[in-house]
Amino acid sequence: MTIYTDETPPTETGQIVPMLKQITSNPPAVEVFLARKGAMRTLEAGVTTVRDLGADQYMDIAMRT
Protein backbone atom coordinates (compact mmCIF):
# COMPACT_ATOMS: atom_id res chain seq x y z
CA MET A 1 0.00 0.00 0.00
CA THR A 2 2.77 2.46 0.79
CA ILE A 3 4.85 1.99 -2.34
CA TYR A 4 4.03 4.61 -4.93
CA THR A 5 5.61 4.93 -8.35
CA ASP A 6 4.89 7.56 -10.92
CA GLU A 7 2.82 6.39 -13.86
CA THR A 8 3.94 9.14 -16.21
CA PRO A 9 5.50 8.29 -19.57
CA PRO A 10 9.23 8.75 -20.20
CA THR A 11 10.71 12.23 -20.04
CA GLU A 12 11.18 14.42 -23.10
CA THR A 13 14.63 12.92 -23.61
CA GLY A 14 13.14 9.42 -23.52
CA GLN A 15 14.54 8.53 -20.11
CA ILE A 16 12.52 6.41 -17.74
CA VAL A 17 13.13 6.91 -14.01
CA PRO A 18 13.80 3.50 -12.40
CA MET A 19 11.26 2.36 -9.82
CA LEU A 20 13.86 2.07 -7.05
CA LYS A 21 14.94 5.68 -7.58
CA GLN A 22 11.31 6.82 -7.43
CA ILE A 23 10.79 4.98 -4.15
CA THR A 24 13.93 6.27 -2.43
CA SER A 25 13.80 9.87 -3.67
CA ASN A 26 10.86 11.03 -1.49
CA PRO A 27 10.76 11.48 2.29
CA PRO A 28 8.35 9.19 4.20
CA ALA A 29 5.72 11.92 4.68
CA VAL A 30 5.54 12.48 0.92
CA GLU A 31 5.35 8.73 0.29
CA VAL A 32 2.34 8.43 2.61
CA PHE A 33 0.67 11.36 0.87
CA LEU A 34 1.25 9.79 -2.55
CA ALA A 35 0.19 6.32 -1.40
CA ARG A 36 -3.37 7.53 -0.88
CA LYS A 37 -3.91 7.04 -4.63
CA GLY A 38 -3.28 3.32 -4.33
CA ALA A 39 -5.38 3.12 -1.20
CA MET A 40 -8.29 4.83 -2.94
CA ARG A 41 -8.03 2.46 -5.92
CA THR A 42 -8.10 -0.50 -3.56
CA LEU A 43 -11.11 0.85 -1.67
CA GLU A 44 -12.99 1.69 -4.89
CA ALA A 45 -12.39 -1.87 -6.10
CA GLY A 46 -14.31 -3.11 -3.06
CA VAL A 47 -11.45 -4.33 -0.90
CA THR A 48 -12.00 -3.40 2.74
CA THR A 49 -9.10 -5.20 4.46
CA VAL A 50 -5.45 -5.06 3.42
CA ARG A 51 -2.13 -5.97 5.00
CA ASP A 52 1.09 -4.11 4.20
CA LEU A 53 4.12 -6.23 5.04
CA GLY A 54 6.81 -4.04 3.53
CA ALA A 55 6.24 -0.58 4.98
CA ASP A 56 9.23 1.42 6.13
CA GLN A 57 9.36 3.91 9.01
CA TYR A 58 5.80 3.12 10.14
CA MET A 59 4.27 4.50 6.94
CA ASP A 60 1.59 1.81 7.11
CA ILE A 61 0.48 3.11 10.52
CA ALA A 62 0.30 6.64 9.13
CA MET A 63 -1.83 5.38 6.21
CA ARG A 64 -4.19 3.63 8.60
CA THR A 65 -4.56 6.75 10.71
PDB file of N, CA and C in Angstrom:
ATOM      1  N   MET A   1       0.810  -1.203   0.000  1.00  0.00           N
ATOM      2  CA  MET A   1       0.000   0.000   0.000  1.00  0.00           C
ATOM      3  C   MET A   1       0.855   1.269   0.000  1.00  0.00           C
ATOM      4  N   THR A   2       2.001   1.227   0.637  1.00  0.00           N
ATOM      5  CA  THR A   2       2.769   2.462   0.795  1.00  0.00           C
ATOM      6  C   THR A   2       3.794   2.688  -0.303  1.00  0.00           C
ATOM      7  N   ILE A   3       3.917   1.764  -1.237  1.00  0.00           N
ATOM      8  CA  ILE A   3       4.852   1.990  -2.341  1.00  0.00           C
ATOM      9  C   ILE A   3       4.105   2.695  -3.461  1.00  0.00           C
ATOM     10  N   TYR A   4       4.631   3.841  -3.857  1.00  0.00           N
ATOM     11  CA  TYR A   4       4.028   4.612  -4.931  1.00  0.00           C
ATOM     12  C   TYR A   4       5.080   4.850  -5.998  1.00  0.00           C
ATOM     13  N   THR A   5       4.725   4.596  -7.248  1.00  0.00           N
ATOM     14  CA  THR A   5       5.610   4.931  -8.353  1.00  0.00           C
ATOM     15  C   THR A   5       4.828   5.773  -9.340  1.00  0.00           C
ATOM     16  N   ASP A   6       5.519   6.658  -9.980  1.00  0.00           N
ATOM     17  CA  ASP A   6       4.888   7.563 -10.924  1.00  0.00           C
ATOM     18  C   ASP A   6       4.490   6.803 -12.179  1.00  0.00           C
ATOM     19  N   GLU A   7       3.312   7.076 -12.678  1.00  0.00           N
ATOM     20  CA  GLU A   7       2.823   6.389 -13.864  1.00  0.00           C
ATOM     21  C   GLU A   7       2.966   7.237 -15.121  1.00  0.00           C
ATOM     22  N   THR A   8       3.776   8.269 -15.056  1.00  0.00           N
ATOM     23  CA  THR A   8       3.938   9.138 -16.209  1.00  0.00           C
ATOM     24  C   THR A   8       4.823   8.471 -17.254  1.00  0.00           C
ATOM     25  N   PRO A   9       4.653   8.849 -18.511  1.00  0.00           N
ATOM     26  CA  PRO A   9       5.497   8.289 -19.570  1.00  0.00           C
ATOM     27  C   PRO A   9       6.935   8.797 -19.443  1.00  0.00           C
ATOM     28  N   PRO A  10       7.840   8.288 -20.251  1.00  0.00           N
ATOM     29  CA  PRO A  10       9.232   8.745 -20.197  1.00  0.00           C
ATOM     30  C   PRO A  10       9.353  10.251 -20.386  1.00  0.00           C
ATOM     31  N   THR A  11      10.470  10.802 -19.910  1.00  0.00           N
ATOM     32  CA  THR A  11      10.709  12.233 -20.037  1.00  0.00           C
ATOM     33  C   THR A  11      10.888  12.630 -21.496  1.00  0.00           C
ATOM     34  N   GLU A  12      11.033  13.925 -21.730  1.00  0.00           N
ATOM     35  CA  GLU A  12      11.184  14.418 -23.102  1.00  0.00           C
ATOM     36  C   GLU A  12      12.405  13.828 -23.798  1.00  0.00           C
ATOM     37  N   THR A  13      13.427  13.508 -23.033  1.00  0.00           N
ATOM     38  CA  THR A  13      14.635  12.918 -23.612  1.00  0.00           C
ATOM     39  C   THR A  13      14.514  11.412 -23.776  1.00  0.00           C
ATOM     40  N   GLY A  14      13.368  10.847 -23.377  1.00  0.00           N
ATOM     41  CA  GLY A  14      13.144   9.420 -23.521  1.00  0.00           C
ATOM     42  C   GLY A  14      13.615   8.596 -22.337  1.00  0.00           C
ATOM     43  N   GLN A  15      14.056   9.254 -21.281  1.00  0.00           N
ATOM     44  CA  GLN A  15      14.543   8.534 -20.111  1.00  0.00           C
ATOM     45  C   GLN A  15      13.379   8.107 -19.220  1.00  0.00           C
ATOM     46  N   ILE A  16      13.502   6.923 -18.688  1.00  0.00           N
ATOM     47  CA  ILE A  16      12.523   6.414 -17.739  1.00  0.00           C
ATOM     48  C   ILE A  16      13.209   6.356 -16.373  1.00  0.00           C
ATOM     49  N   VAL A  17      12.563   6.918 -15.354  1.00  0.00           N
ATOM     50  CA  VAL A  17      13.132   6.909 -14.014  1.00  0.00           C
ATOM     51  C   VAL A  17      12.894   5.525 -13.408  1.00  0.00           C
ATOM     52  N   PRO A  18      13.974   4.842 -12.984  1.00  0.00           N
ATOM     53  CA  PRO A  18      13.802   3.499 -12.396  1.00  0.00           C
ATOM     54  C   PRO A  18      12.918   3.534 -11.156  1.00  0.00           C
ATOM     55  N   MET A  19      12.180   2.437 -10.942  1.00  0.00           N
ATOM     56  CA  MET A  19      11.258   2.365  -9.821  1.00  0.00           C
ATOM     57  C   MET A  19      11.975   2.548  -8.485  1.00  0.00           C
ATOM     58  N   LEU A  20      13.157   1.946  -8.312  1.00  0.00           N
ATOM     59  CA  LEU A  20      13.865   2.070  -7.047  1.00  0.00           C
ATOM     60  C   LEU A  20      14.231   3.521  -6.761  1.00  0.00           C
ATOM     61  N   LYS A  21      14.607   4.273  -7.782  1.00  0.00           N
ATOM     62  CA  LYS A  21      14.938   5.678  -7.584  1.00  0.00           C
ATOM     63  C   LYS A  21      13.695   6.478  -7.208  1.00  0.00           C
ATOM     64  N   GLN A  22      12.545   6.137  -7.780  1.00  0.00           N
ATOM     65  CA  GLN A  22      11.305   6.820  -7.431  1.00  0.00           C
ATOM     66  C   GLN A  22      10.949   6.561  -5.976  1.00  0.00           C
ATOM     67  N   ILE A  23      11.165   5.346  -5.517  1.00  0.00           N
ATOM     68  CA  ILE A  23      10.795   4.981  -4.149  1.00  0.00           C
ATOM     69  C   ILE A  23      11.691   5.668  -3.134  1.00  0.00           C
ATOM     70  N   THR A  24      12.977   5.747  -3.409  1.00  0.00           N
ATOM     71  CA  THR A  24      13.926   6.275  -2.430  1.00  0.00           C
ATOM     72  C   THR A  24      14.117   7.773  -2.515  1.00  0.00           C
ATOM     73  N   SER A  25      13.552   8.438  -3.498  1.00  0.00           N
ATOM     74  CA  SER A  25      13.804   9.867  -3.668  1.00  0.00           C
ATOM     75  C   SER A  25      12.888  10.751  -2.815  1.00  0.00           C
ATOM     76  N   ASN A  26      11.812  10.224  -2.284  1.00  0.00           N
ATOM     77  CA  ASN A  26      10.862  11.027  -1.493  1.00  0.00           C
ATOM     78  C   ASN A  26      10.989  10.729  -0.008  1.00  0.00           C
ATOM     79  N   PRO A  27      10.798  11.741   0.842  1.00  0.00           N
ATOM     80  CA  PRO A  27      10.762  11.476   2.286  1.00  0.00           C
ATOM     81  C   PRO A  27       9.493  10.695   2.653  1.00  0.00           C
ATOM     82  N   PRO A  28       9.492  10.020   3.809  1.00  0.00           N
ATOM     83  CA  PRO A  28       8.349   9.191   4.199  1.00  0.00           C
ATOM     84  C   PRO A  28       7.011   9.930   4.210  1.00  0.00           C
ATOM     85  N   ALA A  29       6.989  11.176   4.636  1.00  0.00           N
ATOM     86  CA  ALA A  29       5.722  11.922   4.678  1.00  0.00           C
ATOM     87  C   ALA A  29       5.148  12.088   3.279  1.00  0.00           C
ATOM     88  N   VAL A  30       5.991  12.331   2.309  1.00  0.00           N
ATOM     89  CA  VAL A  30       5.536  12.480   0.924  1.00  0.00           C
ATOM     90  C   VAL A  30       5.062  11.135   0.391  1.00  0.00           C
ATOM     91  N   GLU A  31       5.756  10.067   0.738  1.00  0.00           N
ATOM     92  CA  GLU A  31       5.349   8.731   0.292  1.00  0.00           C
ATOM     93  C   GLU A  31       3.950   8.386   0.798  1.00  0.00           C
ATOM     94  N   VAL A  32       3.666   8.711   2.047  1.00  0.00           N
ATOM     95  CA  VAL A  32       2.339   8.434   2.610  1.00  0.00           C
ATOM     96  C   VAL A  32       1.286   9.255   1.870  1.00  0.00           C
ATOM     97  N   PHE A  33       1.604  10.505   1.594  1.00  0.00           N
ATOM     98  CA  PHE A  33       0.665  11.362   0.869  1.00  0.00           C
ATOM     99  C   PHE A  33       0.389  10.799  -0.525  1.00  0.00           C
ATOM    100  N   LEU A  34       1.416  10.334  -1.198  1.00  0.00           N
ATOM    101  CA  LEU A  34       1.245   9.794  -2.546  1.00  0.00           C
ATOM    102  C   LEU A  34       0.573   8.426  -2.533  1.00  0.00           C
ATOM    103  N   ALA A  35       0.756   7.666  -1.473  1.00  0.00           N
ATOM    104  CA  ALA A  35       0.194   6.318  -1.401  1.00  0.00           C
ATOM    105  C   ALA A  35      -1.319   6.326  -1.290  1.00  0.00           C
ATOM    106  N   ARG A  36      -1.905   7.458  -0.983  1.00  0.00           N
ATOM    107  CA  ARG A  36      -3.366   7.526  -0.879  1.00  0.00           C
ATOM    108  C   ARG A  36      -4.034   7.158  -2.197  1.00  0.00           C
ATOM    109  N   LYS A  37      -3.348   7.389  -3.313  1.00  0.00           N
ATOM    110  CA  LYS A  37      -3.908   7.040  -4.626  1.00  0.00           C
ATOM    111  C   LYS A  37      -4.127   5.529  -4.733  1.00  0.00           C
ATOM    112  N   GLY A  38      -3.134   4.773  -4.315  1.00  0.00           N
ATOM    113  CA  GLY A  38      -3.275   3.316  -4.329  1.00  0.00           C
ATOM    114  C   GLY A  38      -4.314   2.832  -3.349  1.00  0.00           C
ATOM    115  N   ALA A  39      -4.378   3.498  -2.202  1.00  0.00           N
ATOM    116  CA  ALA A  39      -5.378   3.123  -1.201  1.00  0.00           C
ATOM    117  C   ALA A  39      -6.785   3.394  -1.716  1.00  0.00           C
ATOM    118  N   MET A  40      -6.966   4.507  -2.380  1.00  0.00           N
ATOM    119  CA  MET A  40      -8.287   4.831  -2.936  1.00  0.00           C
ATOM    120  C   MET A  40      -8.683   3.849  -4.031  1.00  0.00           C
ATOM    121  N   ARG A  41      -7.739   3.457  -4.872  1.00  0.00           N
ATOM    122  CA  ARG A  41      -8.033   2.463  -5.915  1.00  0.00           C
ATOM    123  C   ARG A  41      -8.462   1.142  -5.287  1.00  0.00           C
ATOM    124  N   THR A  42      -7.776   0.750  -4.236  1.00  0.00           N
ATOM    125  CA  THR A  42      -8.100  -0.496  -3.556  1.00  0.00           C
ATOM    126  C   THR A  42      -9.493  -0.425  -2.943  1.00  0.00           C
ATOM    127  N   LEU A  43      -9.799   0.672  -2.291  1.00  0.00           N
ATOM    128  CA  LEU A  43     -11.114   0.845  -1.670  1.00  0.00           C
ATOM    129  C   LEU A  43     -12.221   0.894  -2.720  1.00  0.00           C
ATOM    130  N   GLU A  44     -11.980   1.594  -3.823  1.00  0.00           N
ATOM    131  CA  GLU A  44     -12.986   1.686  -4.886  1.00  0.00           C
ATOM    132  C   GLU A  44     -13.216   0.345  -5.567  1.00  0.00           C
ATOM    133  N   ALA A  45     -12.229  -0.536  -5.518  1.00  0.00           N
ATOM    134  CA  ALA A  45     -12.385  -1.868  -6.100  1.00  0.00           C
ATOM    135  C   ALA A  45     -13.188  -2.793  -5.194  1.00  0.00           C
ATOM    136  N   GLY A  46     -13.482  -2.332  -3.964  1.00  0.00           N
ATOM    137  CA  GLY A  46     -14.308  -3.110  -3.060  1.00  0.00           C
ATOM    138  C   GLY A  46     -13.550  -3.831  -1.967  1.00  0.00           C
ATOM    139  N   VAL A  47     -12.242  -3.685  -1.937  1.00  0.00           N
ATOM    140  CA  VAL A  47     -11.446  -4.334  -0.902  1.00  0.00           C
ATOM    141  C   VAL A  47     -11.540  -3.499   0.371  1.00  0.00           C
ATOM    142  N   THR A  48     -11.855  -4.150   1.484  1.00  0.00           N
ATOM    143  CA  THR A  48     -12.000  -3.405   2.739  1.00  0.00           C
ATOM    144  C   THR A  48     -10.933  -3.751   3.767  1.00  0.00           C
ATOM    145  N   THR A  49     -10.160  -4.812   3.528  1.00  0.00           N
ATOM    146  CA  THR A  49      -9.105  -5.202   4.459  1.00  0.00           C
ATOM    147  C   THR A  49      -7.835  -5.480   3.676  1.00  0.00           C
ATOM    148  N   VAL A  50      -6.743  -4.837   4.075  1.00  0.00           N
ATOM    149  CA  VAL A  50      -5.452  -5.063   3.424  1.00  0.00           C
ATOM    150  C   VAL A  50      -4.377  -5.233   4.494  1.00  0.00           C
ATOM    151  N   ARG A  51      -3.263  -5.802   4.093  1.00  0.00           N
ATOM    152  CA  ARG A  51      -2.128  -5.969   4.997  1.00  0.00           C
ATOM    153  C   ARG A  51      -0.870  -5.551   4.251  1.00  0.00           C
ATOM    154  N   ASP A  52      -0.143  -4.616   4.812  1.00  0.00           N
ATOM    155  CA  ASP A  52       1.086  -4.110   4.201  1.00  0.00           C
ATOM    156  C   ASP A  52       2.263  -4.681   4.978  1.00  0.00           C
ATOM    157  N   LEU A  53       3.019  -5.571   4.352  1.00  0.00           N
ATOM    158  CA  LEU A  53       4.119  -6.232   5.041  1.00  0.00           C
ATOM    159  C   LEU A  53       5.472  -5.594   4.759  1.00  0.00           C
ATOM    160  N   GLY A  54       5.521  -4.595   3.894  1.00  0.00           N
ATOM    161  CA  GLY A  54       6.810  -4.040   3.528  1.00  0.00           C
ATOM    162  C   GLY A  54       6.977  -2.569   3.830  1.00  0.00           C
ATOM    163  N   ALA A  55       6.182  -2.013   4.708  1.00  0.00           N
ATOM    164  CA  ALA A  55       6.243  -0.577   4.976  1.00  0.00           C
ATOM    165  C   ALA A  55       7.488  -0.223   5.774  1.00  0.00           C
ATOM    166  N   ASP A  56       8.034   0.933   5.465  1.00  0.00           N
ATOM    167  CA  ASP A  56       9.230   1.422   6.128  1.00  0.00           C
ATOM    168  C   ASP A  56       8.869   2.622   6.995  1.00  0.00           C
ATOM    169  N   GLN A  57       9.517   2.766   8.124  1.00  0.00           N
ATOM    170  CA  GLN A  57       9.363   3.914   9.011  1.00  0.00           C
ATOM    171  C   GLN A  57       7.904   4.149   9.430  1.00  0.00           C
ATOM    172  N   TYR A  58       7.192   3.075   9.667  1.00  0.00           N
ATOM    173  CA  TYR A  58       5.797   3.125  10.141  1.00  0.00           C
ATOM    174  C   TYR A  58       4.856   3.880   9.198  1.00  0.00           C
ATOM    175  N   MET A  59       5.160   3.842   7.909  1.00  0.00           N
ATOM    176  CA  MET A  59       4.275   4.500   6.939  1.00  0.00           C
ATOM    177  C   MET A  59       2.913   3.821   6.882  1.00  0.00           C
ATOM    178  N   ASP A  60       2.864   2.506   7.118  1.00  0.00           N
ATOM    179  CA  ASP A  60       1.587   1.814   7.108  1.00  0.00           C
ATOM    180  C   ASP A  60       0.684   2.278   8.243  1.00  0.00           C
ATOM    181  N   ILE A  61       1.268   2.584   9.398  1.00  0.00           N
ATOM    182  CA  ILE A  61       0.483   3.107  10.522  1.00  0.00           C
ATOM    183  C   ILE A  61      -0.059   4.500  10.181  1.00  0.00           C
ATOM    184  N   ALA A  62       0.746   5.307   9.538  1.00  0.00           N
ATOM    185  CA  ALA A  62       0.296   6.638   9.131  1.00  0.00           C
ATOM    186  C   ALA A  62      -0.827   6.537   8.113  1.00  0.00           C
ATOM    187  N   MET A  63      -0.756   5.571   7.197  1.00  0.00           N
ATOM    188  CA  MET A  63      -1.833   5.380   6.214  1.00  0.00           C
ATOM    189  C   MET A  63      -3.118   4.969   6.921  1.00  0.00           C
ATOM    190  N   ARG A  64      -3.001   4.081   7.874  1.00  0.00           N
ATOM    191  CA  ARG A  64      -4.187   3.634   8.605  1.00  0.00           C
ATOM    192  C   ARG A  64      -4.850   4.788   9.330  1.00  0.00           C
ATOM    193  N   THR A  65      -4.039   5.628   9.949  1.00  0.00           N
ATOM    194  CA  THR A  65      -4.556   6.746  10.711  1.00  0.00           C
ATOM    195  C   THR A  65      -5.141   7.769   9.791  1.00  0.00           C
TER     196      THR A  65
END
